[in-house]
Amino acid sequence: MAPSLSQAYGRRWWMAVTSIIENLFFSAVLLGWGSLLIMLKNEGFYSHLCTENVTETHSNVSLTEQTIWLSCIEQEEILNLGFTIGSFIISAATLPLGVLMDKFGPRPIRLFGSSCFALSMALIAVASYDPKVLSAIIFIAVSMNGFGGICLTFTSLTLPNMFGNVRSTILSLMIGSYASSAVTFPGVKLIYDVGVSFSVIFWVWAGFACLVFLNCFINWPGESFPGPEDIRYTTMVKLRSEVVDQKMTEESSFTQETPKEQNVTKQQLSTDEAPSDGTAAQRSPRFYRSVCSPIFLWSIITMAMTQLRVIFFMGAMNKMLEFLVTHGDPNPSEELVKEAEEKVNISPSIFGTLQLLCLVSCPLIGYIMDWRMKECEDVVNSAEGEKSPSEPPKRDRKIQKLTNAIRAFILTNTLLVIFGIISLIDNLPVQVVSFVLHTAVRGFIHSCCGGLYAAVYPTNHFGTLTGLQSMISAVFALLQQPLFMWMLGPLKGDPYWINLGLLVFSLVGFLLPGYLFYHQRQIIKEKAARHSLSMSQSAQESNSLNQTNDSAKYQTNGNV
């Protein structure tokens, strides 16, 4: 039996903490592809393709036997195709998930997603028993892994609606744990290097994924989480405060309702019980208007560009680092090959460990998105148009949201450009800085878009808009596979020209904050015009009232 919204509100902190942990270990773990690729090579996945053009060998040592697997460019390309498919599903599946979640809520999607993730881990473990025959299962496994992981991530993005004014900060923590999940495979590789069996690791991982299913089954409600502006949100908190009297103060401070606002809430409840089609249409703009808005279209361009930049770096990282050591030498010495292998094995672990910085960087961007939001006008007060003359004027909520979004996107795009510049430097130790910047950009861009959509668009459009944007970005990011093949083929492993082209392309990201600034100025002008119009109307009313009083006094004196 699914808990009610009121019960879920009481468990919101438990669900938030467990969602962060689940996102960290069970969401987009495929983004730690560099470490998984090394393990797959060591286990002999698609090693049977390497009959010619052998580039290196990998040994899998156990207590009883030693197996040496060959490695070649053909193996690299087909395994990278698996990563391309999995990363595509992580982003593309968000559109149907958004539509389904807006209709059915997060609970059934999260249950199905955790089941898919557990099955994907089991399939990888099964394929490792005979990789020569079962290597093709890896494509099914990474597809289910990407789909199950994004189900867990996407359903957790509506949970911050339960946290009021700190919604963007909690949302950033969710996205930060999702972005930090790339650290999971590097951690698994450390366990693998100690000598734990590859199949045992993935069977245990599948078992832990079943606990995610159980946690969702017990704690997550069947309904979607209402936003703070939703009338169900206030009703949910009020009902809970009536049941638990000793928590009355905590609940009332959370909603901060005055008696006047409670009357407004009752009137809204009575109105919402029998809404007419006309009023329902007026409350929320139509979906096609949100999709065709310039803000959404510019966000798609920005996200598609950033997604391609980020995914290409993750898929080609091992080969790029190898080129920095060998410098494209067609006949490297044994010492150079050994040095390249050692550094390539260490670098994914460093890269994966740095992904934990997303847990810090995402709340930072969330703090920027929430900057001075508590100083803004309340929705109820602005709707009534009543202000106390003694109170100082408050900030406009919509203008402040746009100001915060502009700052966040400018910071993110600046870091992306710096990352592109450092990627062009032919120095391996300097690339550690690019790892840090890559981590920050991954966390920032998703938090920026999530915060922007939550600020500008209605709550019931959030899931579908986020899904549509992610799907279009995923389709565009498929270009990373031909770019990877181009780098290994005509460019002979040299990523310089590809990185240079992506650097120039990343400058497009500054167009979105530019349009947001223009849109903000238009809103300020419209607000100033409305204010001057209301002031002139009030002055006219005051003059007419004074004239009426003067004529009344004149009549009274005449009568006397």
Protein backbone atom coordinates (compact mmCIF):
# COMPACT_ATOMS: atom_id res chain seq x y z
CA MET A 1 0.00 0.00 0.00
CA ALA A 2 1.51 3.31 -1.08
CA PRO A 3 1.74 6.01 1.62
CA SER A 4 -0.31 9.18 1.31
CA LEU A 5 1.15 12.59 0.51
CA SER A 6 0.80 13.62 4.15
CA GLN A 7 2.78 10.56 5.27
CA ALA A 8 5.36 11.19 2.55
CA TYR A 9 5.76 14.77 3.78
CA GLY A 10 6.69 13.41 7.21
CA ARG A 11 9.30 11.15 5.58
CA ARG A 12 10.64 13.75 3.17
CA TRP A 13 14.10 13.97 4.78
CA TRP A 14 14.49 10.18 4.75
CA MET A 15 13.49 10.06 1.09
CA ALA A 16 15.86 12.93 0.25
CA VAL A 17 18.87 11.32 1.94
CA THR A 18 18.22 7.86 0.48
CA SER A 19 17.59 9.36 -2.98
CA ILE A 20 20.99 11.07 -2.88
CA ILE A 21 22.66 7.77 -1.93
CA GLU A 22 20.70 5.82 -4.55
CA ASN A 23 21.55 8.36 -7.24
CA LEU A 24 25.21 8.08 -6.30
CA PHE A 25 25.41 4.29 -6.64
CA PHE A 26 22.55 3.33 -8.96
CA SER A 27 21.84 6.14 -11.42
CA ALA A 28 24.24 7.26 -14.17
CA VAL A 29 27.10 4.96 -13.15
CA LEU A 30 27.75 4.35 -16.84
CA LEU A 31 29.34 7.81 -17.00
CA GLY A 32 32.37 6.29 -15.27
CA TRP A 33 32.98 4.48 -18.54
CA GLY A 34 36.78 4.79 -18.50
CA SER A 35 37.15 2.37 -15.56
CA LEU A 36 34.46 -0.03 -16.82
CA LEU A 37 36.20 -0.15 -20.22
CA ILE A 38 39.45 -1.33 -18.62
CA MET A 39 37.61 -4.07 -16.71
CA LEU A 40 35.74 -5.21 -19.82
CA LYS A 41 39.03 -5.46 -21.71
CA ASN A 42 40.58 -7.47 -18.88
CA GLU A 43 37.62 -9.84 -18.94
CA GLY A 44 37.98 -10.36 -22.69
CA PHE A 45 34.82 -8.70 -23.99
CA TYR A 46 35.08 -8.58 -27.80
CA SER A 47 38.72 -9.62 -27.59
CA HIS A 48 37.99 -12.24 -30.27
CA LEU A 49 37.89 -9.38 -32.81
CA CYS A 50 41.62 -8.75 -32.32
CA THR A 51 43.09 -11.27 -34.76
CA GLU A 52 45.05 -8.50 -36.48
CA ASN A 53 46.32 -4.99 -35.65
CA VAL A 54 46.92 -5.87 -32.00
CA THR A 55 47.74 -2.73 -30.02
CA GLU A 56 48.20 -4.15 -26.52
CA THR A 57 47.47 -7.13 -24.26
CA HIS A 58 45.52 -7.41 -21.02
CA SER A 59 45.95 -10.18 -18.48
CA ASN A 60 43.29 -11.46 -16.11
CA VAL A 61 45.05 -13.21 -13.25
CA SER A 62 43.27 -15.50 -10.77
CA LEU A 63 44.54 -18.06 -8.24
CA THR A 64 44.35 -20.95 -10.68
CA GLU A 65 45.00 -19.59 -14.14
CA GLN A 66 46.25 -16.66 -16.15
CA THR A 67 44.35 -15.53 -19.24
CA ILE A 68 45.86 -13.04 -21.66
CA TRP A 69 43.37 -11.11 -23.79
CA LEU A 70 44.25 -9.13 -26.88
CA SER A 71 43.16 -5.54 -27.44
CA CYS A 72 42.80 -3.59 -30.67
CA ILE A 73 41.12 -0.58 -32.29
CA GLU A 74 38.14 -2.70 -33.43
CA GLN A 75 37.48 -3.68 -29.82
CA GLU A 76 37.74 -0.03 -28.72
CA GLU A 77 35.24 1.09 -31.35
CA ILE A 78 32.59 -1.51 -30.63
CA LEU A 79 32.82 -1.08 -26.85
CA ASN A 80 32.62 2.69 -27.27
CA LEU A 81 29.46 2.09 -29.32
CA GLY A 82 28.02 0.42 -26.22
CA PHE A 83 28.83 3.53 -24.20
CA THR A 84 27.24 5.72 -26.88
CA ILE A 85 24.02 3.69 -26.75
CA GLY A 86 23.92 3.67 -22.95
CA SER A 87 24.61 7.40 -22.59
CA PHE A 88 22.01 8.11 -25.30
CA ILE A 89 19.36 6.20 -23.37
CA ILE A 90 20.25 8.03 -20.16
CA SER A 91 19.24 11.30 -21.78
CA ALA A 92 16.69 10.22 -24.42
CA ALA A 93 14.51 8.22 -22.05
CA THR A 94 13.68 11.34 -20.06
CA LEU A 95 11.01 12.48 -22.55
CA PRO A 96 8.71 9.45 -22.21
CA LEU A 97 9.57 9.32 -18.51
CA GLY A 98 8.53 12.96 -18.14
CA VAL A 99 5.17 12.33 -19.81
CA LEU A 100 4.56 9.19 -17.74
CA MET A 101 5.61 10.85 -14.49
CA ASP A 102 3.34 13.85 -15.08
CA LYS A 103 0.48 11.37 -15.52
CA PHE A 104 1.17 8.52 -13.08
CA GLY A 105 3.60 9.98 -10.56
CA PRO A 106 7.14 8.86 -9.68
CA ARG A 107 6.40 5.65 -7.74
CA PRO A 108 5.75 3.11 -10.58
CA ILE A 109 8.60 4.55 -12.67
CA ARG A 110 11.04 4.26 -9.79
CA LEU A 111 10.00 0.67 -9.08
CA PHE A 112 10.47 -0.32 -12.72
CA GLY A 113 13.78 1.55 -12.97
CA SER A 114 15.32 -0.18 -9.96
CA SER A 115 14.27 -3.54 -11.42
CA CYS A 116 15.95 -2.72 -14.75
CA PHE A 117 19.15 -1.66 -13.00
CA ALA A 118 19.31 -4.88 -10.98
CA LEU A 119 18.73 -6.95 -14.14
CA SER A 120 21.47 -5.07 -16.03
CA MET A 121 24.02 -5.87 -13.33
CA ALA A 122 22.99 -9.52 -13.44
CA LEU A 123 23.38 -9.62 -17.23
CA ILE A 124 26.92 -8.20 -17.07
CA ALA A 125 27.83 -10.83 -14.48
CA VAL A 126 26.41 -13.61 -16.68
CA ALA A 127 28.22 -12.35 -19.80
CA SER A 128 31.58 -12.44 -18.00
CA TYR A 129 31.43 -16.27 -17.70
CA ASP A 130 31.95 -16.72 -21.47
CA PRO A 131 32.78 -13.33 -23.08
CA LYS A 132 33.62 -14.85 -26.46
CA VAL A 133 30.03 -16.04 -26.88
CA LEU A 134 28.11 -13.62 -24.64
CA SER A 135 29.86 -10.31 -25.39
CA ALA A 136 26.79 -9.04 -27.27
CA ILE A 137 24.81 -9.09 -24.01
CA ILE A 138 26.78 -6.01 -22.97
CA PHE A 139 24.64 -3.89 -25.33
CA ILE A 140 21.42 -5.05 -23.65
CA ALA A 141 22.99 -4.59 -20.23
CA VAL A 142 24.22 -1.03 -20.77
CA SER A 143 20.85 -0.09 -22.31
CA MET A 144 18.94 -1.36 -19.28
CA ASN A 145 21.54 0.16 -16.98
CA GLY A 146 21.12 3.59 -18.55
CA PHE A 147 17.32 3.35 -18.55
CA GLY A 148 17.08 2.13 -14.96
CA GLY A 149 19.54 4.73 -13.74
CA ILE A 150 17.74 7.67 -15.35
CA CYS A 151 14.44 6.41 -13.91
CA LEU A 152 15.90 6.75 -10.42
CA THR A 153 17.41 10.15 -11.16
CA PHE A 154 14.38 11.62 -12.92
CA THR A 155 11.89 10.58 -10.27
CA SER A 156 14.04 12.15 -7.55
CA LEU A 157 13.94 15.56 -9.28
CA THR A 158 10.35 16.23 -8.12
CA LEU A 159 11.07 15.39 -4.48
CA PRO A 160 12.60 18.87 -3.80
CA ASN A 161 9.07 20.31 -4.26
CA MET A 162 8.51 19.29 -0.62
CA PHE A 163 11.18 21.72 0.64
CA GLY A 164 9.76 25.19 -0.07
CA ASN A 165 12.23 28.06 -0.46
CA VAL A 166 15.27 25.74 -0.54
CA ARG A 167 13.84 23.74 -3.44
CA SER A 168 16.67 24.67 -5.84
CA THR A 169 19.32 23.70 -3.29
CA ILE A 170 17.80 20.26 -2.68
CA LEU A 171 17.34 19.87 -6.44
CA SER A 172 21.03 20.64 -6.90
CA LEU A 173 21.95 17.96 -4.37
CA MET A 174 19.91 15.43 -6.34
CA ILE A 175 21.60 16.44 -9.59
CA GLY A 176 24.98 16.51 -7.83
CA SER A 177 24.58 12.91 -6.65
CA TYR A 178 23.55 11.94 -10.18
CA ALA A 179 26.62 13.64 -11.66
CA SER A 180 28.87 12.14 -8.97
CA SER A 181 27.69 8.61 -9.83
CA ALA A 182 30.57 8.50 -12.33
CA VAL A 183 32.76 7.78 -9.29
CA THR A 184 31.13 4.37 -8.80
CA PHE A 185 32.92 2.38 -11.51
CA PRO A 186 36.36 3.75 -10.51
CA GLY A 187 35.56 2.59 -6.98
CA VAL A 188 34.47 -0.80 -8.29
CA LYS A 189 37.71 -1.04 -10.27
CA LEU A 190 39.72 -0.61 -7.06
CA ILE A 191 37.85 -3.59 -5.59
CA TYR A 192 38.44 -5.49 -8.83
CA ASP A 193 42.19 -4.72 -8.75
CA VAL A 194 42.41 -6.16 -5.23
CA GLY A 195 41.38 -9.52 -6.66
CA VAL A 196 37.61 -9.76 -6.16
CA SER A 197 35.90 -11.61 -9.00
CA PHE A 198 34.24 -9.49 -11.69
CA SER A 199 31.06 -11.59 -11.60
CA VAL A 200 30.84 -11.50 -7.79
CA ILE A 201 31.02 -7.69 -7.78
CA PHE A 202 28.14 -7.36 -10.20
CA TRP A 203 25.97 -10.01 -8.51
CA VAL A 204 26.33 -8.15 -5.19
CA TRP A 205 25.54 -4.87 -6.95
CA ALA A 206 22.34 -6.39 -8.35
CA GLY A 207 21.36 -7.45 -4.84
CA PHE A 208 21.80 -3.92 -3.49
CA ALA A 209 19.64 -2.60 -6.33
CA CYS A 210 16.80 -4.75 -4.95
CA LEU A 211 16.99 -2.70 -1.73
CA VAL A 212 16.26 0.42 -3.80
CA PHE A 213 13.09 -1.29 -5.03
CA LEU A 214 12.10 -2.11 -1.45
CA ASN A 215 12.72 1.43 -0.18
CA CYS A 216 10.57 2.91 -2.95
CA PHE A 217 7.80 0.38 -2.34
CA ILE A 218 7.58 1.31 1.35
CA ASN A 219 8.12 5.09 1.36
CA TRP A 220 7.23 6.71 -1.97
CA PRO A 221 3.61 7.92 -2.47
CA GLY A 222 1.45 7.01 -5.42
CA GLU A 223 0.78 10.66 -6.27
CA SER A 224 3.19 13.20 -7.69
CA PHE A 225 4.84 15.67 -5.32
CA PRO A 226 3.03 19.06 -5.43
CA GLY A 227 5.01 22.27 -5.78
CA PRO A 228 4.86 25.00 -3.12
CA GLU A 229 2.53 26.99 -5.36
CA ASP A 230 0.18 23.99 -5.67
CA ILE A 231 -2.90 24.10 -3.45
CA ARG A 232 -2.37 20.42 -2.55
CA TYR A 233 0.91 21.39 -0.89
CA THR A 234 -0.74 23.74 1.64
CA THR A 235 -3.59 21.29 2.21
CA MET A 236 -1.15 18.44 2.84
CA VAL A 237 0.78 20.39 5.47
CA LYS A 238 -2.43 21.63 7.17
CA LEU A 239 -3.87 18.11 7.37
CA ARG A 240 -0.69 16.79 8.91
CA SER A 241 -0.63 19.62 11.47
CA GLU A 242 -4.19 18.75 12.51
CA VAL A 243 -3.27 15.10 13.09
CA VAL A 244 -0.06 15.82 15.00
CA ASP A 245 -0.82 18.71 17.36
CA GLN A 246 2.60 18.88 18.93
CA LYS A 247 4.14 19.72 15.56
CA MET A 248 1.78 22.63 14.95
CA THR A 249 4.48 25.26 15.32
CA GLU A 250 6.89 23.50 12.97
CA GLU A 251 4.28 23.03 10.26
CA SER A 252 2.88 26.56 10.48
CA SER A 253 6.39 28.02 10.27
CA PHE A 254 6.97 25.92 7.17
CA THR A 255 3.92 27.27 5.36
CA GLN A 256 3.93 30.65 7.18
CA GLU A 257 0.17 31.01 6.83
CA THR A 258 -1.63 33.93 8.38
CA PRO A 259 -5.37 33.80 9.15
CA LYS A 260 -5.96 35.91 6.03
CA GLU A 261 -4.02 33.38 3.91
CA GLN A 262 -6.02 30.51 5.46
CA ASN A 263 -9.22 32.19 4.32
CA VAL A 264 -7.74 32.56 0.85
CA THR A 265 -6.76 28.85 0.93
CA LYS A 266 -10.31 27.81 1.88
CA GLN A 267 -11.74 29.90 -0.93
CA GLN A 268 -9.26 28.35 -3.37
CA LEU A 269 -10.13 24.85 -2.15
CA SER A 270 -13.83 25.45 -2.67
CA THR A 271 -13.07 26.87 -6.10
CA ASP A 272 -10.80 23.97 -7.08
CA GLU A 273 -13.41 21.36 -6.19
CA ALA A 274 -15.44 22.29 -9.26
CA PRO A 275 -13.23 24.14 -11.70
CA SER A 276 -14.55 25.23 -15.01
CA ASP A 277 -12.64 24.65 -18.24
CA GLY A 278 -12.08 28.35 -18.70
CA THR A 279 -10.53 28.94 -15.29
CA ALA A 280 -8.36 25.83 -15.62
CA ALA A 281 -7.00 27.10 -18.89
CA GLN A 282 -6.27 30.49 -17.39
CA ARG A 283 -4.34 29.12 -14.43
CA SER A 284 -1.60 27.42 -16.47
CA PRO A 285 -0.38 28.31 -19.97
CA ARG A 286 -0.73 25.68 -22.64
CA PHE A 287 2.15 23.26 -23.11
CA TYR A 288 2.91 24.24 -26.71
CA ARG A 289 3.49 27.83 -25.57
CA SER A 290 6.13 26.61 -23.14
CA VAL A 291 7.80 24.47 -25.82
CA CYS A 292 7.86 27.28 -28.39
CA SER A 293 9.11 29.91 -25.95
CA PRO A 294 12.55 31.39 -26.81
CA ILE A 295 13.93 30.49 -23.37
CA PHE A 296 13.26 26.79 -23.93
CA LEU A 297 14.65 26.84 -27.47
CA TRP A 298 17.87 28.57 -26.39
CA SER A 299 18.22 26.12 -23.49
CA ILE A 300 18.03 23.21 -25.96
CA ILE A 301 20.90 24.67 -28.03
CA THR A 302 22.99 25.25 -24.90
CA MET A 303 22.34 21.78 -23.47
CA ALA A 304 22.96 19.99 -26.79
CA MET A 305 26.32 21.71 -27.20
CA THR A 306 27.37 21.02 -23.60
CA GLN A 307 26.16 17.41 -23.71
CA LEU A 308 28.24 16.65 -26.81
CA ARG A 309 31.31 18.27 -25.25
CA VAL A 310 30.96 16.35 -22.00
CA ILE A 311 30.08 12.93 -23.48
CA PHE A 312 32.85 13.00 -26.07
CA PHE A 313 35.45 13.72 -23.40
CA MET A 314 34.22 10.83 -21.23
CA GLY A 315 34.13 8.34 -24.11
CA ALA A 316 37.49 9.27 -25.65
CA MET A 317 39.36 10.12 -22.44
CA ASN A 318 41.50 6.97 -22.31
CA LYS A 319 42.66 7.31 -25.94
CA MET A 320 43.33 11.05 -25.54
CA LEU A 321 45.48 10.44 -22.47
CA GLU A 322 47.29 7.64 -24.26
CA PHE A 323 48.09 10.03 -27.13
CA LEU A 324 49.56 12.54 -24.66
CA VAL A 325 52.08 9.87 -23.62
CA THR A 326 52.91 8.27 -26.99
CA HIS A 327 52.38 11.43 -29.12
CA GLY A 328 50.97 9.28 -31.93
CA ASP A 329 54.14 7.20 -32.37
CA PRO A 330 53.15 4.32 -34.72
CA ASN A 331 55.93 2.07 -33.33
CA PRO A 332 56.33 2.95 -29.64
CA SER A 333 58.92 1.19 -27.52
CA GLU A 334 57.91 -1.34 -24.87
CA GLU A 335 58.78 1.12 -22.09
CA LEU A 336 56.59 3.80 -23.67
CA VAL A 337 53.70 1.36 -24.08
CA LYS A 338 54.04 0.29 -20.45
CA GLU A 339 54.16 3.92 -19.27
CA ALA A 340 51.06 4.76 -21.33
CA GLU A 341 49.16 1.77 -19.93
CA GLU A 342 50.04 2.68 -16.34
CA LYS A 343 48.98 6.30 -16.73
CA VAL A 344 45.78 5.40 -18.57
CA ASN A 345 44.88 2.96 -15.77
CA ILE A 346 45.44 5.59 -13.07
CA SER A 347 43.78 8.55 -14.79
CA PRO A 348 40.20 7.14 -14.84
CA SER A 349 40.46 6.55 -11.09
CA ILE A 350 41.53 10.17 -10.56
CA PHE A 351 38.76 11.36 -12.87
CA GLY A 352 36.17 9.24 -11.10
CA THR A 353 37.23 10.38 -7.63
CA LEU A 354 36.94 14.01 -8.70
CA GLN A 355 33.32 13.37 -9.68
CA LEU A 356 32.47 13.60 -5.99
CA LEU A 357 33.05 17.33 -6.36
CA CYS A 358 29.60 17.44 -7.97
CA LEU A 359 28.16 17.05 -4.47
CA VAL A 360 29.80 20.40 -3.67
CA SER A 361 29.47 22.19 -7.00
CA CYS A 362 25.78 21.44 -7.52
CA PRO A 363 24.64 22.91 -4.18
CA LEU A 364 26.80 25.94 -5.03
CA ILE A 365 24.86 26.54 -8.23
CA GLY A 366 21.66 25.82 -6.31
CA TYR A 367 22.60 28.51 -3.81
CA ILE A 368 23.09 30.91 -6.73
CA MET A 369 19.66 29.97 -8.09
CA ASP A 370 18.09 30.56 -4.62
CA TRP A 371 19.95 33.84 -3.98
CA ARG A 372 17.72 36.36 -2.14
CA MET A 373 14.54 34.42 -2.93
CA LYS A 374 13.39 34.81 0.69
CA GLU A 375 13.41 38.59 0.22
CA CYS A 376 10.89 38.37 -2.64
CA GLU A 377 7.16 39.00 -2.49
CA ASP A 378 4.98 36.10 -1.41
CA VAL A 379 2.62 34.72 -4.00
CA VAL A 380 -0.44 35.43 -1.88
CA ASN A 381 0.54 39.00 -1.11
CA SER A 382 1.35 39.80 -4.71
CA ALA A 383 -1.97 38.30 -5.80
CA GLU A 384 -3.92 40.41 -3.31
CA GLY A 385 -1.90 43.50 -4.10
CA GLU A 386 -1.87 44.52 -0.42
CA LYS A 387 1.30 45.84 1.20
CA SER A 388 1.83 47.43 4.55
CA PRO A 389 3.05 51.01 4.16
CA SER A 390 5.60 50.49 6.93
CA GLU A 391 7.24 47.49 5.20
CA PRO A 392 10.13 48.12 2.79
CA PRO A 393 9.44 47.23 -0.86
CA LYS A 394 10.25 43.60 -1.64
CA ARG A 395 11.93 42.14 -4.69
CA ASP A 396 9.91 40.80 -7.60
CA ARG A 397 10.11 36.99 -7.50
CA LYS A 398 10.21 36.41 -11.27
CA ILE A 399 12.85 39.08 -11.88
CA GLN A 400 15.03 37.67 -9.10
CA LYS A 401 14.74 34.15 -10.54
CA LEU A 402 15.88 35.39 -13.95
CA THR A 403 18.78 37.33 -12.39
CA ASN A 404 19.96 34.20 -10.58
CA ALA A 405 19.64 32.08 -13.75
CA ILE A 406 21.70 34.60 -15.75
CA ARG A 407 24.53 34.47 -13.22
CA ALA A 408 24.44 30.67 -13.08
CA PHE A 409 24.60 30.19 -16.86
CA ILE A 410 27.37 32.78 -17.30
CA LEU A 411 29.48 30.98 -14.67
CA THR A 412 28.81 27.56 -16.24
CA ASN A 413 29.66 28.64 -19.79
CA THR A 414 32.82 30.41 -18.63
CA LEU A 415 34.04 27.21 -16.96
CA LEU A 416 33.19 25.25 -20.13
CA VAL A 417 35.32 27.57 -22.27
CA ILE A 418 38.24 27.33 -19.82
CA PHE A 419 37.87 23.53 -19.89
CA GLY A 420 38.09 23.58 -23.69
CA ILE A 421 41.24 25.70 -23.61
CA ILE A 422 42.99 23.40 -21.12
CA SER A 423 42.04 20.34 -23.22
CA LEU A 424 44.22 21.75 -26.01
CA ILE A 425 47.36 21.79 -23.81
CA ASP A 426 49.71 18.89 -24.56
CA ASN A 427 50.57 18.13 -20.95
CA LEU A 428 49.24 15.19 -18.94
CA PRO A 429 49.46 16.65 -15.38
CA VAL A 430 47.62 19.81 -16.55
CA GLN A 431 44.72 17.64 -17.67
CA VAL A 432 43.85 17.01 -14.03
CA VAL A 433 42.56 20.60 -14.01
CA SER A 434 40.35 19.72 -16.98
CA PHE A 435 38.97 16.80 -14.92
CA VAL A 436 37.93 19.26 -12.20
CA LEU A 437 36.35 21.68 -14.67
CA HIS A 438 34.57 18.84 -16.48
CA THR A 439 33.07 17.75 -13.17
CA ALA A 440 31.92 21.28 -12.33
CA VAL A 441 30.35 21.83 -15.76
CA ARG A 442 28.45 18.54 -15.63
CA GLY A 443 26.95 19.41 -12.28
CA PHE A 444 26.31 23.07 -13.07
CA ILE A 445 24.56 22.72 -16.43
CA HIS A 446 21.89 20.27 -15.25
CA SER A 447 21.24 22.28 -12.10
CA CYS A 448 20.98 25.49 -14.14
CA CYS A 449 18.45 24.04 -16.55
CA GLY A 450 16.44 22.36 -13.80
CA GLY A 451 16.34 25.57 -11.77
CA LEU A 452 15.46 27.65 -14.85
CA TYR A 453 12.55 25.39 -15.81
CA ALA A 454 11.28 25.32 -12.22
CA ALA A 455 11.46 29.13 -12.12
CA VAL A 456 9.89 29.98 -15.48
CA TYR A 457 7.44 27.19 -16.32
CA PRO A 458 4.45 25.63 -14.50
CA THR A 459 5.09 22.63 -12.26
CA ASN A 460 2.97 20.30 -14.40
CA HIS A 461 5.19 21.08 -17.43
CA PHE A 462 8.51 20.47 -15.66
CA GLY A 463 8.83 16.74 -16.33
CA THR A 464 7.87 16.85 -19.99
CA LEU A 465 10.02 19.90 -20.77
CA THR A 466 13.05 18.39 -19.04
CA GLY A 467 12.51 15.12 -20.89
CA LEU A 468 12.14 16.81 -24.27
CA GLN A 469 15.30 18.85 -23.74
CA SER A 470 17.27 15.79 -22.64
CA MET A 471 16.09 13.69 -25.59
CA ILE A 472 17.08 16.34 -28.15
CA SER A 473 20.45 16.77 -26.42
CA ALA A 474 20.97 12.99 -26.47
CA VAL A 475 20.26 12.76 -30.19
CA PHE A 476 22.81 15.52 -30.81
CA ALA A 477 25.34 13.82 -28.52
CA LEU A 478 25.28 10.74 -30.78
CA LEU A 479 27.80 12.65 -32.87
CA GLN A 480 30.43 11.62 -30.36
CA GLN A 481 30.67 8.13 -31.95
CA PRO A 482 31.63 9.38 -35.45
CA LEU A 483 33.94 11.94 -33.81
CA PHE A 484 35.60 9.11 -31.87
CA MET A 485 36.03 7.02 -35.02
CA TRP A 486 37.38 10.07 -36.87
CA MET A 487 39.92 10.60 -34.10
CA LEU A 488 41.12 6.97 -34.22
CA GLY A 489 41.10 6.86 -38.04
CA PRO A 490 42.12 9.89 -40.12
CA LEU A 491 43.50 11.86 -37.16
CA LYS A 492 45.49 8.83 -35.89
CA GLY A 493 44.50 9.38 -32.27
CA ASP A 494 45.17 13.14 -32.19
CA PRO A 495 42.18 14.93 -30.55
CA TYR A 496 43.50 18.49 -31.11
CA TRP A 497 41.32 19.54 -34.03
CA ILE A 498 38.18 18.01 -32.54
CA ASN A 499 38.79 19.78 -29.22
CA LEU A 500 39.42 23.06 -31.05
CA GLY A 501 36.15 22.80 -32.98
CA LEU A 502 34.20 21.96 -29.82
CA LEU A 503 35.81 24.94 -28.06
CA VAL A 504 34.57 27.33 -30.75
CA PHE A 505 31.14 25.70 -30.66
CA SER A 506 30.92 26.11 -26.86
CA LEU A 507 30.81 29.92 -27.26
CA VAL A 508 27.19 29.48 -28.37
CA GLY A 509 26.32 28.85 -24.72
CA PHE A 510 26.52 32.57 -23.92
CA LEU A 511 23.49 33.29 -26.11
CA LEU A 512 21.06 31.87 -23.51
CA PRO A 513 22.05 34.22 -20.63
CA GLY A 514 22.08 37.04 -23.19
CA TYR A 515 18.46 36.37 -24.07
CA LEU A 516 17.53 35.96 -20.40
CA PHE A 517 18.98 39.43 -19.75
CA TYR A 518 16.90 40.87 -22.62
CA HIS A 519 13.77 39.09 -21.32
CA GLN A 520 14.41 40.42 -17.82
CA ARG A 521 14.68 44.01 -19.07
CA GLN A 522 11.35 43.61 -20.89
CA ILE A 523 9.66 42.41 -17.70
CA ILE A 524 11.09 45.34 -15.73
CA LYS A 525 9.80 47.80 -18.36
CA GLU A 526 6.33 46.22 -18.32
CA LYS A 527 6.26 46.33 -14.54
CA ALA A 528 7.31 49.99 -14.52
CA ALA A 529 4.62 50.81 -17.09
CA ARG A 530 1.95 49.05 -15.00
CA HIS A 531 3.14 50.85 -11.89
CA SER A 532 3.02 54.28 -13.56
CA LEU A 533 -0.44 53.50 -14.96
CA SER A 534 -1.75 52.48 -11.54
CA MET A 535 -0.21 55.61 -9.98
CA SER A 536 -1.88 57.86 -12.57
CA GLN A 537 -5.21 56.11 -12.04
CA SER A 538 -4.95 56.49 -8.28
CA ALA A 539 -4.03 60.19 -8.72
CA GLN A 540 -7.09 60.72 -10.94
CA GLU A 541 -9.32 58.97 -8.40
CA SER A 542 -7.84 61.13 -5.64
CA ASN A 543 -8.46 64.33 -7.63
CA SER A 544 -12.04 63.37 -8.41
CA LEU A 545 -12.62 62.54 -4.75
CA ASN A 546 -11.22 65.93 -3.69
CA GLN A 547 -13.44 67.70 -6.21
CA THR A 548 -16.47 65.84 -4.87
CA ASN A 549 -15.64 66.84 -1.31
CA ASP A 550 -15.14 70.50 -2.32
CA SER A 551 -18.50 70.62 -4.10
CA ALA A 552 -20.16 69.01 -1.10
CA LYS A 553 -18.67 71.63 1.20
CA TYR A 554 -19.79 74.44 -1.15
CA GLN A 555 -23.34 73.07 -1.16
CA THR A 556 -23.38 72.84 2.62
CA ASN A 557 -22.23 76.45 3.03
CA GLY A 558 -24.88 77.66 0.58
CA ASN A 559 -27.61 75.88 2.48
CA VAL A 560 -26.48 77.43 5.71
